[in-house]
Amino acid sequence: MELILIKFCSLWKTIKRLLIGSINKRSTKVEKKYEIKTVAAAQVEDIIEKDAPDCILIGPQIKYMEEQFKMDANKHNIPLKAIGMQDYGTMNGKNVIAQAERLLG
């Protein structure tokens, strides 16, 4: 099973590497492959149109934009949710993956 998880946020490179590393470490343990992209919030429409991700997770620091992003994502039946603050803060890749899988049903 391949998931495409995309987070739209302006993160420090170190934070991105830590969270992505945690997710990749978890995916290796459960023998699943995940493609993860991090892009700026301004690119959301292009990513939805061109990449058609399976689901979208946004950083909690831009949760205030969630409804705006959902309007675009819903047009293409792409589930979108903000990553839980605690999971994001602790870089809990296991819970971030679980959240994405719940979005996918």
C-alpha atoms as a PDB file:
ATOM      1  CA  MET A   1       0.000   0.000   0.000  1.00  0.00           C
ATOM      2  CA  GLU A   2       1.361   3.398  -0.902  1.00  0.00           C
ATOM      3  CA  LEU A   3       0.165   6.578   0.717  1.00  0.00           C
ATOM      4  CA  ILE A   4       1.039  10.066  -0.288  1.00  0.00           C
ATOM      5  CA  LEU A   5       1.136  12.321   2.744  1.00  0.00           C
ATOM      6  CA  ILE A   6       1.568  15.973   2.075  1.00  0.00           C
ATOM      7  CA  LYS A   7       1.990  18.601   4.749  1.00  0.00           C
ATOM      8  CA  PHE A   8       1.555  22.190   3.814  1.00  0.00           C
ATOM      9  CA  CYS A   9       3.495  24.312   6.210  1.00  0.00           C
ATOM     10  CA  SER A  10       6.453  26.550   6.631  1.00  0.00           C
ATOM     11  CA  LEU A  11       8.713  24.423   8.766  1.00  0.00           C
ATOM     12  CA  TRP A  12      12.310  24.711   9.705  1.00  0.00           C
ATOM     13  CA  LYS A  13      14.308  22.162   7.753  1.00  0.00           C
ATOM     14  CA  THR A  14      15.384  20.420  10.954  1.00  0.00           C
ATOM     15  CA  ILE A  15      11.780  19.888  12.045  1.00  0.00           C
ATOM     16  CA  LYS A  16      10.851  18.498   8.625  1.00  0.00           C
ATOM     17  CA  ARG A  17      13.743  16.063   8.700  1.00  0.00           C
ATOM     18  CA  LEU A  18      12.856  14.887  12.205  1.00  0.00           C
ATOM     19  CA  LEU A  19       9.187  14.238  11.460  1.00  0.00           C
ATOM     20  CA  ILE A  20       9.835  12.666   8.070  1.00  0.00           C
ATOM     21  CA  GLY A  21      12.585  10.528   9.612  1.00  0.00           C
ATOM     22  CA  SER A  22      10.175   9.365  12.301  1.00  0.00           C
ATOM     23  CA  ILE A  23       7.523   8.488   9.715  1.00  0.00           C
ATOM     24  CA  ASN A  24      10.021   6.647   7.501  1.00  0.00           C
ATOM     25  CA  LYS A  25      11.361   4.718  10.490  1.00  0.00           C
ATOM     26  CA  ARG A  26       7.822   3.664  11.361  1.00  0.00           C
ATOM     27  CA  SER A  27       6.944   2.700   7.772  1.00  0.00           C
ATOM     28  CA  THR A  28       9.972   0.403   7.606  1.00  0.00           C
ATOM     29  CA  LYS A  29       8.811  -1.389  10.749  1.00  0.00           C
ATOM     30  CA  VAL A  30       5.332  -2.033   9.344  1.00  0.00           C
ATOM     31  CA  GLU A  31       6.617  -2.799   5.831  1.00  0.00           C
ATOM     32  CA  LYS A  32       4.667  -0.051   4.093  1.00  0.00           C
ATOM     33  CA  LYS A  33       5.877   2.547   1.669  1.00  0.00           C
ATOM     34  CA  TYR A  34       5.001   6.181   2.091  1.00  0.00           C
ATOM     35  CA  GLU A  35       5.779   9.055  -0.210  1.00  0.00           C
ATOM     36  CA  ILE A  36       5.999  12.265   1.764  1.00  0.00           C
ATOM     37  CA  LYS A  37       6.262  15.777   0.428  1.00  0.00           C
ATOM     38  CA  THR A  38       6.518  19.027   2.292  1.00  0.00           C
ATOM     39  CA  VAL A  39       5.520  22.145   0.450  1.00  0.00           C
ATOM     40  CA  ALA A  40       4.574  25.723   1.178  1.00  0.00           C
ATOM     41  CA  ALA A  41       0.932  26.492   1.899  1.00  0.00           C
ATOM     42  CA  ALA A  42       0.811  28.659  -1.220  1.00  0.00           C
ATOM     43  CA  GLN A  43       1.298  25.539  -3.368  1.00  0.00           C
ATOM     44  CA  VAL A  44      -1.767  23.647  -2.108  1.00  0.00           C
ATOM     45  CA  GLU A  45      -3.915  24.176  -5.205  1.00  0.00           C
ATOM     46  CA  ASP A  46      -1.156  23.081  -7.586  1.00  0.00           C
ATOM     47  CA  ILE A  47      -0.383  19.975  -5.552  1.00  0.00           C
ATOM     48  CA  ILE A  48      -4.038  18.950  -5.409  1.00  0.00           C
ATOM     49  CA  GLU A  49      -4.417  19.443  -9.160  1.00  0.00           C
ATOM     50  CA  LYS A  50      -1.124  17.933 -10.337  1.00  0.00           C
ATOM     51  CA  ASP A  51      -0.187  15.274  -7.763  1.00  0.00           C
ATOM     52  CA  ALA A  52      -3.643  14.077  -6.628  1.00  0.00           C
ATOM     53  CA  PRO A  53      -2.404  12.959  -3.192  1.00  0.00           C
ATOM     54  CA  ASP A  54      -4.218  10.214  -1.287  1.00  0.00           C
ATOM     55  CA  CYS A  55      -4.526  12.484   1.729  1.00  0.00           C
ATOM     56  CA  ILE A  56      -3.194  15.748   3.034  1.00  0.00           C
ATOM     57  CA  LEU A  57      -1.928  16.511   6.515  1.00  0.00           C
ATOM     58  CA  ILE A  58      -1.129  20.071   7.468  1.00  0.00           C
ATOM     59  CA  GLY A  59       0.989  21.316  10.330  1.00  0.00           C
ATOM     60  CA  PRO A  60      -0.934  22.485  13.411  1.00  0.00           C
ATOM     61  CA  GLN A  61       0.572  25.960  13.119  1.00  0.00           C
ATOM     62  CA  ILE A  62      -1.597  26.557  10.034  1.00  0.00           C
ATOM     63  CA  LYS A  63      -4.742  24.868  11.327  1.00  0.00           C
ATOM     64  CA  TYR A  64      -6.508  28.201  10.888  1.00  0.00           C
ATOM     65  CA  MET A  65      -6.247  27.567   7.114  1.00  0.00           C
ATOM     66  CA  GLU A  66      -7.738  24.065   7.308  1.00  0.00           C
ATOM     67  CA  GLU A  67     -11.223  25.022   6.065  1.00  0.00           C
ATOM     68  CA  GLN A  68      -9.773  26.961   3.135  1.00  0.00           C
ATOM     69  CA  PHE A  69      -7.630  23.968   2.123  1.00  0.00           C
ATOM     70  CA  LYS A  70     -10.553  21.570   2.586  1.00  0.00           C
ATOM     71  CA  MET A  71     -12.589  23.492   0.028  1.00  0.00           C
ATOM     72  CA  ASP A  72      -9.976  22.718  -2.639  1.00  0.00           C
ATOM     73  CA  ALA A  73      -9.320  19.166  -1.437  1.00  0.00           C
ATOM     74  CA  ASN A  74     -13.019  18.260  -1.288  1.00  0.00           C
ATOM     75  CA  LYS A  75     -13.413  19.112  -4.974  1.00  0.00           C
ATOM     76  CA  HIS A  76     -11.082  16.185  -5.679  1.00  0.00           C
ATOM     77  CA  ASN A  77     -12.249  13.874  -2.868  1.00  0.00           C
ATOM     78  CA  ILE A  78      -8.955  14.219  -1.012  1.00  0.00           C
ATOM     79  CA  PRO A  79      -9.227  13.960   2.779  1.00  0.00           C
ATOM     80  CA  LEU A  80      -7.413  16.716   4.667  1.00  0.00           C
ATOM     81  CA  LYS A  81      -6.738  17.225   8.377  1.00  0.00           C
ATOM     82  CA  ALA A  82      -4.338  19.072  10.639  1.00  0.00           C
ATOM     83  CA  ILE A  83      -1.759  16.916  12.416  1.00  0.00           C
ATOM     84  CA  GLY A  84      -2.452  16.650  16.141  1.00  0.00           C
ATOM     85  CA  MET A  85      -0.476  19.235  18.125  1.00  0.00           C
ATOM     86  CA  GLN A  86       0.991  16.671  20.523  1.00  0.00           C
ATOM     87  CA  ASP A  87       2.018  14.252  17.759  1.00  0.00           C
ATOM     88  CA  TYR A  88       3.592  17.063  15.815  1.00  0.00           C
ATOM     89  CA  GLY A  89       5.389  18.466  18.842  1.00  0.00           C
ATOM     90  CA  THR A  90       6.829  15.095  19.836  1.00  0.00           C
ATOM     91  CA  MET A  91       7.551  14.088  16.218  1.00  0.00           C
ATOM     92  CA  ASN A  92       5.454  10.938  16.709  1.00  0.00           C
ATOM     93  CA  GLY A  93       5.605   9.368  13.253  1.00  0.00           C
ATOM     94  CA  LYS A  94       3.571   6.355  14.367  1.00  0.00           C
ATOM     95  CA  ASN A  95       0.595   8.515  15.297  1.00  0.00           C
ATOM     96  CA  VAL A  96       0.931  10.698  12.197  1.00  0.00           C
ATOM     97  CA  ILE A  97       0.772   7.583  10.004  1.00  0.00           C
ATOM     98  CA  ALA A  98      -2.209   6.304  11.988  1.00  0.00           C
ATOM     99  CA  GLN A  99      -3.960   9.636  11.475  1.00  0.00           C
ATOM    100  CA  ALA A 100      -3.372   9.444   7.711  1.00  0.00           C
ATOM    101  CA  GLU A 101      -4.643   5.874   7.559  1.00  0.00           C
ATOM    102  CA  ARG A 102      -7.803   6.897   9.446  1.00  0.00           C
ATOM    103  CA  LEU A 103      -8.365   9.625   6.865  1.00  0.00           C
ATOM    104  CA  LEU A 104      -8.150   7.037   4.121  1.00  0.00           C
ATOM    105  CA  GLY A 105     -10.711   4.827   5.842  1.00  0.00           C
END
